[in-house]
Amino acid sequence: MIDLGTRIERLEARTAVADVVHGYAFNIRTGNAVACEPLFTEDAVFEVRERSGGGITQTRSKLKGRSAIMAYLTDGAASQIRLCPLIQNLIVRVSGRVATSTSTMIAFVLPNGKGILGEYEDSFRREDEWCFSSRIYTVLREISA
């Protein structure tokens, strides 16, 4: 049986990782992408993939490093689009100072009402705080208005 201190530490880590996932979504929803910077490690990777009907997955984009991720998130063209991401089915696994999670996301693109359905596969590393070391978002379906 795992001792109480270890169980509490694991629960705190799972909660902190969930806060990173939900904090990212909140910052994107409220148009405050610049607040996402401390959520990523310096060497983080952010990849967007697309899965076709035949189950084949292709990479749409891949950003390496916090500065590249932040340049994309705060780009003028990107900031003209208002996303309302809804995170669901978050499962977090912690092992020491690293963690992984999976979740699904439905995002509405405002004001046109289009949407995106997809899933995240995230990796985290605890430095001073828990941060994304990798985010892989796979688009499963785009929903038109």
N, C-alpha and C. Protein backbone atom coordinates (compact mmCIF):
# COMPACT_ATOMS: atom_id res chain seq x y z
N MET A 1 0.85 -1.18 0.00
CA MET A 1 0.00 0.00 0.00
C MET A 1 0.89 1.25 0.00
N ILE A 2 0.47 2.24 -0.74
CA ILE A 2 1.21 3.49 -0.84
C ILE A 2 0.91 4.33 0.39
N ASP A 3 1.97 4.95 0.94
CA ASP A 3 1.77 5.75 2.15
C ASP A 3 1.01 7.03 1.84
N LEU A 4 0.43 7.61 2.88
CA LEU A 4 -0.43 8.78 2.75
C LEU A 4 0.29 9.96 2.11
N GLY A 5 1.54 10.21 2.50
CA GLY A 5 2.29 11.33 1.93
C GLY A 5 2.47 11.21 0.43
N THR A 6 2.76 10.00 -0.04
CA THR A 6 2.93 9.75 -1.47
C THR A 6 1.61 9.93 -2.20
N ARG A 7 0.53 9.46 -1.59
CA ARG A 7 -0.79 9.60 -2.20
C ARG A 7 -1.17 11.07 -2.32
N ILE A 8 -0.91 11.85 -1.28
CA ILE A 8 -1.22 13.29 -1.32
C ILE A 8 -0.37 13.99 -2.38
N GLU A 9 0.91 13.65 -2.43
CA GLU A 9 1.81 14.25 -3.42
C GLU A 9 1.33 13.95 -4.84
N ARG A 10 0.90 12.73 -5.09
CA ARG A 10 0.41 12.34 -6.40
C ARG A 10 -0.88 13.09 -6.76
N LEU A 11 -1.79 13.22 -5.78
CA LEU A 11 -3.03 13.97 -6.01
C LEU A 11 -2.76 15.44 -6.30
N GLU A 12 -1.83 16.02 -5.55
CA GLU A 12 -1.47 17.42 -5.79
C GLU A 12 -0.87 17.60 -7.18
N ALA A 13 -0.05 16.66 -7.60
CA ALA A 13 0.56 16.74 -8.93
C ALA A 13 -0.52 16.62 -10.01
N ARG A 14 -1.45 15.69 -9.85
CA ARG A 14 -2.52 15.53 -10.83
C ARG A 14 -3.36 16.80 -10.93
N THR A 15 -3.66 17.41 -9.80
CA THR A 15 -4.43 18.65 -9.79
C THR A 15 -3.66 19.77 -10.47
N ALA A 16 -2.36 19.88 -10.19
CA ALA A 16 -1.55 20.93 -10.80
C ALA A 16 -1.47 20.76 -12.32
N VAL A 17 -1.34 19.53 -12.78
CA VAL A 17 -1.29 19.26 -14.22
C VAL A 17 -2.64 19.62 -14.86
N ALA A 18 -3.73 19.24 -14.22
CA ALA A 18 -5.06 19.60 -14.73
C ALA A 18 -5.21 21.12 -14.79
N ASP A 19 -4.67 21.82 -13.81
CA ASP A 19 -4.72 23.29 -13.81
C ASP A 19 -3.97 23.87 -15.00
N VAL A 20 -2.86 23.25 -15.41
CA VAL A 20 -2.12 23.72 -16.59
C VAL A 20 -2.99 23.57 -17.83
N VAL A 21 -3.62 22.40 -17.99
CA VAL A 21 -4.48 22.15 -19.15
C VAL A 21 -5.63 23.14 -19.19
N HIS A 22 -6.33 23.29 -18.07
CA HIS A 22 -7.48 24.18 -18.03
C HIS A 22 -7.06 25.66 -18.08
N GLY A 23 -5.91 25.98 -17.52
CA GLY A 23 -5.40 27.36 -17.57
C GLY A 23 -5.11 27.77 -19.00
N TYR A 24 -4.52 26.87 -19.77
CA TYR A 24 -4.26 27.15 -21.18
C TYR A 24 -5.57 27.45 -21.91
N ALA A 25 -6.57 26.58 -21.73
CA ALA A 25 -7.86 26.76 -22.40
C ALA A 25 -8.51 28.09 -21.97
N PHE A 26 -8.43 28.42 -20.68
CA PHE A 26 -8.99 29.67 -20.18
C PHE A 26 -8.32 30.88 -20.83
N ASN A 27 -6.99 30.85 -20.89
CA ASN A 27 -6.26 31.97 -21.49
C ASN A 27 -6.58 32.14 -22.96
N ILE A 28 -6.73 31.04 -23.68
CA ILE A 28 -7.09 31.12 -25.09
C ILE A 28 -8.51 31.66 -25.24
N ARG A 29 -9.43 31.16 -24.41
CA ARG A 29 -10.83 31.59 -24.49
C ARG A 29 -10.99 33.07 -24.19
N THR A 30 -10.21 33.58 -23.24
CA THR A 30 -10.35 34.98 -22.84
C THR A 30 -9.47 35.93 -23.67
N GLY A 31 -8.80 35.40 -24.69
CA GLY A 31 -7.97 36.24 -25.54
C GLY A 31 -6.69 36.71 -24.89
N ASN A 32 -6.22 35.98 -23.89
CA ASN A 32 -5.02 36.36 -23.16
C ASN A 32 -3.91 35.33 -23.39
N ALA A 33 -3.60 35.06 -24.65
CA ALA A 33 -2.62 34.04 -25.00
C ALA A 33 -1.26 34.30 -24.38
N VAL A 34 -0.90 35.56 -24.18
CA VAL A 34 0.41 35.88 -23.60
C VAL A 34 0.57 35.25 -22.21
N ALA A 35 -0.54 35.02 -21.51
CA ALA A 35 -0.49 34.41 -20.18
C ALA A 35 -0.15 32.92 -20.25
N CYS A 36 -0.09 32.35 -21.45
CA CYS A 36 0.26 30.93 -21.61
C CYS A 36 1.77 30.69 -21.51
N GLU A 37 2.56 31.73 -21.61
CA GLU A 37 4.01 31.56 -21.66
C GLU A 37 4.57 30.72 -20.51
N PRO A 38 4.21 30.99 -19.25
CA PRO A 38 4.78 30.19 -18.17
C PRO A 38 4.25 28.76 -18.11
N LEU A 39 3.31 28.41 -18.97
CA LEU A 39 2.76 27.06 -18.97
C LEU A 39 3.60 26.09 -19.79
N PHE A 40 4.61 26.60 -20.51
CA PHE A 40 5.45 25.77 -21.38
C PHE A 40 6.90 25.77 -20.89
N THR A 41 7.55 24.61 -21.02
CA THR A 41 8.98 24.56 -20.75
C THR A 41 9.71 25.30 -21.88
N GLU A 42 10.93 25.68 -21.64
CA GLU A 42 11.71 26.39 -22.66
C GLU A 42 11.86 25.57 -23.94
N ASP A 43 11.95 24.24 -23.81
CA ASP A 43 12.16 23.35 -24.96
C ASP A 43 10.88 22.65 -25.42
N ALA A 44 9.73 23.18 -25.05
CA ALA A 44 8.45 22.53 -25.36
C ALA A 44 8.23 22.40 -26.87
N VAL A 45 7.40 21.44 -27.23
CA VAL A 45 6.99 21.20 -28.61
C VAL A 45 5.47 21.26 -28.66
N PHE A 46 4.93 21.92 -29.68
CA PHE A 46 3.48 21.98 -29.88
C PHE A 46 3.22 21.54 -31.32
N GLU A 47 2.51 20.45 -31.46
CA GLU A 47 2.26 19.87 -32.78
C GLU A 47 0.76 19.76 -33.01
N VAL A 48 0.33 20.10 -34.22
CA VAL A 48 -1.06 19.94 -34.62
C VAL A 48 -1.09 18.92 -35.76
N ARG A 49 -1.92 17.91 -35.56
CA ARG A 49 -2.07 16.85 -36.55
C ARG A 49 -3.53 16.80 -37.01
N GLU A 50 -3.74 16.09 -38.10
CA GLU A 50 -5.10 15.88 -38.61
C GLU A 50 -5.25 14.41 -38.97
N ARG A 51 -6.33 13.81 -38.49
CA ARG A 51 -6.62 12.41 -38.80
C ARG A 51 -7.71 12.36 -39.85
N SER A 52 -7.42 11.67 -40.93
CA SER A 52 -8.40 11.56 -42.02
C SER A 52 -9.39 10.43 -41.71
N GLY A 53 -10.41 10.35 -42.53
CA GLY A 53 -11.43 9.32 -42.35
C GLY A 53 -10.86 7.91 -42.39
N GLY A 54 -9.76 7.72 -43.10
CA GLY A 54 -9.13 6.41 -43.19
C GLY A 54 -8.20 6.10 -42.04
N GLY A 55 -8.15 7.00 -41.05
CA GLY A 55 -7.30 6.77 -39.88
C GLY A 55 -5.86 7.20 -40.06
N ILE A 56 -5.54 7.81 -41.20
CA ILE A 56 -4.17 8.28 -41.45
C ILE A 56 -4.00 9.64 -40.80
N THR A 57 -2.90 9.80 -40.06
CA THR A 57 -2.64 11.06 -39.37
C THR A 57 -1.51 11.80 -40.07
N GLN A 58 -1.74 13.09 -40.36
CA GLN A 58 -0.74 13.94 -40.99
C GLN A 58 -0.44 15.12 -40.09
N THR A 59 0.81 15.58 -40.09
CA THR A 59 1.19 16.74 -39.30
C THR A 59 0.84 18.01 -40.07
N ARG A 60 0.10 18.90 -39.41
CA ARG A 60 -0.23 20.22 -39.98
C ARG A 60 0.85 21.22 -39.65
N SER A 61 1.29 21.22 -38.40
CA SER A 61 2.34 22.15 -37.98
C SER A 61 3.06 21.60 -36.76
N LYS A 62 4.29 22.05 -36.59
CA LYS A 62 5.08 21.63 -35.43
C LYS A 62 5.96 22.80 -35.01
N LEU A 63 5.77 23.25 -33.78
CA LEU A 63 6.54 24.36 -33.25
C LEU A 63 7.47 23.83 -32.17
N LYS A 64 8.71 24.28 -32.20
CA LYS A 64 9.70 23.82 -31.23
C LYS A 64 10.21 25.01 -30.43
N GLY A 65 10.08 24.91 -29.11
CA GLY A 65 10.57 25.95 -28.22
C GLY A 65 9.46 26.91 -27.79
N ARG A 66 9.57 27.36 -26.54
CA ARG A 66 8.56 28.28 -25.99
C ARG A 66 8.42 29.53 -26.83
N SER A 67 9.53 30.09 -27.30
CA SER A 67 9.44 31.34 -28.06
C SER A 67 8.67 31.14 -29.36
N ALA A 68 8.86 30.02 -30.06
CA ALA A 68 8.12 29.76 -31.29
C ALA A 68 6.63 29.55 -31.00
N ILE A 69 6.33 28.84 -29.92
CA ILE A 69 4.93 28.62 -29.54
C ILE A 69 4.26 29.94 -29.21
N MET A 70 4.93 30.77 -28.44
CA MET A 70 4.34 32.05 -28.05
C MET A 70 4.21 32.99 -29.24
N ALA A 71 5.16 32.96 -30.17
CA ALA A 71 5.05 33.80 -31.37
C ALA A 71 3.80 33.40 -32.15
N TYR A 72 3.52 32.11 -32.24
CA TYR A 72 2.32 31.65 -32.93
C TYR A 72 1.06 32.06 -32.18
N LEU A 73 1.03 31.83 -30.88
CA LEU A 73 -0.18 32.12 -30.09
C LEU A 73 -0.52 33.60 -30.04
N THR A 74 0.49 34.45 -30.11
CA THR A 74 0.26 35.89 -29.99
C THR A 74 0.35 36.62 -31.33
N ASP A 75 0.48 35.87 -32.43
CA ASP A 75 0.53 36.44 -33.77
C ASP A 75 -0.75 37.23 -34.03
N GLY A 76 -0.62 38.33 -34.72
CA GLY A 76 -1.77 39.20 -35.00
C GLY A 76 -2.92 38.48 -35.69
N ALA A 77 -2.60 37.63 -36.68
CA ALA A 77 -3.65 36.91 -37.40
C ALA A 77 -4.35 35.92 -36.48
N ALA A 78 -3.57 35.22 -35.66
CA ALA A 78 -4.15 34.25 -34.74
C ALA A 78 -5.03 34.93 -33.70
N SER A 79 -4.65 36.13 -33.30
CA SER A 79 -5.42 36.81 -32.26
C SER A 79 -6.75 37.36 -32.79
N GLN A 80 -6.93 37.39 -34.11
CA GLN A 80 -8.20 37.85 -34.69
C GLN A 80 -9.28 36.77 -34.60
N ILE A 81 -8.86 35.53 -34.36
CA ILE A 81 -9.79 34.41 -34.23
C ILE A 81 -10.07 34.20 -32.75
N ARG A 82 -11.31 34.09 -32.39
CA ARG A 82 -11.67 33.86 -30.99
C ARG A 82 -12.08 32.41 -30.84
N LEU A 83 -11.28 31.63 -30.14
CA LEU A 83 -11.60 30.23 -29.88
C LEU A 83 -12.20 30.10 -28.49
N CYS A 84 -13.17 29.22 -28.39
CA CYS A 84 -13.75 28.89 -27.10
C CYS A 84 -13.56 27.39 -26.90
N PRO A 85 -12.39 26.98 -26.35
CA PRO A 85 -12.11 25.56 -26.19
C PRO A 85 -12.79 24.98 -24.95
N LEU A 86 -13.38 23.81 -25.12
CA LEU A 86 -14.02 23.09 -24.02
C LEU A 86 -13.28 21.77 -23.85
N ILE A 87 -12.60 21.61 -22.73
CA ILE A 87 -11.79 20.43 -22.45
C ILE A 87 -12.64 19.40 -21.71
N GLN A 88 -12.56 18.15 -22.16
CA GLN A 88 -13.34 17.08 -21.57
C GLN A 88 -12.52 15.80 -21.46
N ASN A 89 -12.98 14.91 -20.60
CA ASN A 89 -12.39 13.57 -20.46
C ASN A 89 -10.89 13.62 -20.16
N LEU A 90 -10.48 14.53 -19.29
CA LEU A 90 -9.07 14.69 -18.95
C LEU A 90 -8.64 13.54 -18.04
N ILE A 91 -7.61 12.84 -18.47
CA ILE A 91 -7.01 11.76 -17.68
C ILE A 91 -5.54 12.11 -17.50
N VAL A 92 -5.08 12.16 -16.25
CA VAL A 92 -3.70 12.55 -15.92
C VAL A 92 -2.99 11.37 -15.27
N ARG A 93 -1.76 11.12 -15.73
CA ARG A 93 -0.90 10.09 -15.15
C ARG A 93 0.40 10.74 -14.71
N VAL A 94 0.80 10.53 -13.46
CA VAL A 94 1.99 11.18 -12.91
C VAL A 94 3.00 10.11 -12.53
N SER A 95 4.26 10.38 -12.84
CA SER A 95 5.36 9.50 -12.44
C SER A 95 6.54 10.38 -12.05
N GLY A 96 6.64 10.66 -10.77
CA GLY A 96 7.73 11.52 -10.29
C GLY A 96 7.56 12.94 -10.78
N ARG A 97 8.59 13.45 -11.51
CA ARG A 97 8.58 14.83 -11.99
C ARG A 97 8.14 14.96 -13.45
N VAL A 98 7.54 13.89 -13.98
CA VAL A 98 6.97 13.93 -15.32
C VAL A 98 5.54 13.42 -15.25
N ALA A 99 4.75 13.82 -16.23
CA ALA A 99 3.35 13.39 -16.28
C ALA A 99 2.89 13.41 -17.73
N THR A 100 1.80 12.70 -17.97
CA THR A 100 1.15 12.73 -19.28
C THR A 100 -0.34 12.89 -19.04
N SER A 101 -1.03 13.38 -20.07
CA SER A 101 -2.49 13.44 -20.00
C SER A 101 -3.06 13.28 -21.40
N THR A 102 -4.31 12.86 -21.42
CA THR A 102 -5.08 12.85 -22.65
C THR A 102 -6.39 13.57 -22.34
N SER A 103 -6.94 14.22 -23.34
CA SER A 103 -8.23 14.88 -23.20
C SER A 103 -8.82 15.10 -24.58
N THR A 104 -10.11 15.34 -24.60
CA THR A 104 -10.76 15.71 -25.84
C THR A 104 -11.11 17.20 -25.77
N MET A 105 -11.19 17.81 -26.92
CA MET A 105 -11.53 19.22 -26.96
C MET A 105 -12.50 19.49 -28.10
N ILE A 106 -13.53 20.21 -27.76
CA ILE A 106 -14.40 20.81 -28.77
C ILE A 106 -14.14 22.31 -28.66
N ALA A 107 -13.81 22.93 -29.77
CA ALA A 107 -13.57 24.37 -29.75
C ALA A 107 -14.51 25.03 -30.76
N PHE A 108 -15.18 26.07 -30.29
CA PHE A 108 -16.02 26.85 -31.18
C PHE A 108 -15.22 28.06 -31.62
N VAL A 109 -15.25 28.34 -32.92
CA VAL A 109 -14.58 29.50 -33.48
C VAL A 109 -15.62 30.61 -33.57
N LEU A 110 -15.39 31.66 -32.81
CA LEU A 110 -16.36 32.76 -32.77
C LEU A 110 -15.89 33.90 -33.67
N PRO A 111 -16.73 34.65 -34.29
CA PRO A 111 -18.18 34.64 -34.17
C PRO A 111 -18.87 33.76 -35.20
N ASN A 112 -18.12 33.07 -36.10
CA ASN A 112 -18.77 32.36 -37.21
C ASN A 112 -19.41 31.03 -36.81
N GLY A 113 -19.16 30.52 -35.61
CA GLY A 113 -19.82 29.33 -35.13
C GLY A 113 -19.25 28.01 -35.63
N LYS A 114 -18.18 28.07 -36.40
CA LYS A 114 -17.54 26.82 -36.81
C LYS A 114 -16.95 26.15 -35.58
N GLY A 115 -16.58 24.90 -35.73
CA GLY A 115 -16.03 24.20 -34.59
C GLY A 115 -14.98 23.18 -35.00
N ILE A 116 -14.26 22.71 -33.99
CA ILE A 116 -13.23 21.70 -34.19
C ILE A 116 -13.39 20.67 -33.08
N LEU A 117 -13.31 19.41 -33.43
CA LEU A 117 -13.31 18.32 -32.46
C LEU A 117 -11.96 17.63 -32.57
N GLY A 118 -11.32 17.42 -31.43
CA GLY A 118 -10.02 16.77 -31.47
C GLY A 118 -9.61 16.25 -30.12
N GLU A 119 -8.38 15.76 -30.08
CA GLU A 119 -7.86 15.22 -28.83
C GLU A 119 -6.43 15.69 -28.61
N TYR A 120 -6.11 15.89 -27.33
CA TYR A 120 -4.77 16.27 -26.91
C TYR A 120 -4.04 15.07 -26.31
N GLU A 121 -2.77 14.96 -26.62
CA GLU A 121 -1.85 14.08 -25.92
C GLU A 121 -0.76 15.00 -25.39
N ASP A 122 -0.73 15.19 -24.09
CA ASP A 122 0.19 16.14 -23.49
C ASP A 122 1.23 15.44 -22.61
N SER A 123 2.41 16.03 -22.57
CA SER A 123 3.46 15.61 -21.65
C SER A 123 3.85 16.83 -20.83
N PHE A 124 4.23 16.58 -19.58
CA PHE A 124 4.54 17.65 -18.64
C PHE A 124 5.84 17.33 -17.93
N ARG A 125 6.49 18.38 -17.47
CA ARG A 125 7.68 18.23 -16.64
C ARG A 125 7.58 19.24 -15.51
N ARG A 126 7.93 18.79 -14.33
CA ARG A 126 7.93 19.72 -13.21
C ARG A 126 9.30 20.34 -13.10
N GLU A 127 9.33 21.64 -13.31
CA GLU A 127 10.55 22.39 -13.09
C GLU A 127 10.30 23.13 -11.78
N ASP A 128 10.12 24.45 -11.79
CA ASP A 128 9.64 25.12 -10.58
C ASP A 128 8.16 24.79 -10.38
N GLU A 129 7.44 24.74 -11.48
CA GLU A 129 6.02 24.39 -11.52
C GLU A 129 5.83 23.35 -12.61
N TRP A 130 4.66 22.76 -12.69
CA TRP A 130 4.34 21.85 -13.77
C TRP A 130 4.12 22.65 -15.04
N CYS A 131 4.70 22.19 -16.16
CA CYS A 131 4.59 22.87 -17.45
C CYS A 131 4.44 21.83 -18.56
N PHE A 132 3.84 22.27 -19.66
CA PHE A 132 3.81 21.43 -20.85
C PHE A 132 5.24 21.26 -21.37
N SER A 133 5.64 20.04 -21.63
CA SER A 133 6.88 19.81 -22.38
C SER A 133 6.54 19.42 -23.81
N SER A 134 5.30 18.96 -24.01
CA SER A 134 4.84 18.61 -25.35
C SER A 134 3.32 18.65 -25.37
N ARG A 135 2.76 19.23 -26.44
CA ARG A 135 1.32 19.20 -26.69
C ARG A 135 1.14 18.70 -28.12
N ILE A 136 0.40 17.65 -28.26
CA ILE A 136 0.05 17.15 -29.59
C ILE A 136 -1.47 17.19 -29.69
N TYR A 137 -1.97 18.02 -30.58
CA TYR A 137 -3.41 18.13 -30.79
C TYR A 137 -3.73 17.50 -32.14
N THR A 138 -4.62 16.52 -32.13
CA THR A 138 -5.04 15.87 -33.36
C THR A 138 -6.48 16.27 -33.68
N VAL A 139 -6.65 16.92 -34.82
CA VAL A 139 -7.98 17.31 -35.29
C VAL A 139 -8.67 16.05 -35.80
N LEU A 140 -9.82 15.76 -35.21
CA LEU A 140 -10.59 14.60 -35.66
C LEU A 140 -11.66 14.99 -36.65
N ARG A 141 -12.20 16.22 -36.46
CA ARG A 141 -13.25 16.68 -37.36
C ARG A 141 -13.42 18.18 -37.24
N GLU A 142 -13.61 18.83 -38.37
CA GLU A 142 -13.97 20.24 -38.38
C GLU A 142 -15.47 20.32 -38.61
N ILE A 143 -16.13 21.18 -37.85
CA ILE A 143 -17.57 21.29 -37.89
C ILE A 143 -17.92 22.65 -38.49
N SER A 144 -18.71 22.66 -39.56
CA SER A 144 -19.07 23.93 -40.19
C SER A 144 -20.34 24.48 -39.56
N ALA A 145 -20.51 25.78 -39.70
CA ALA A 145 -21.65 26.46 -39.09
C ALA A 145 -22.95 26.08 -39.75
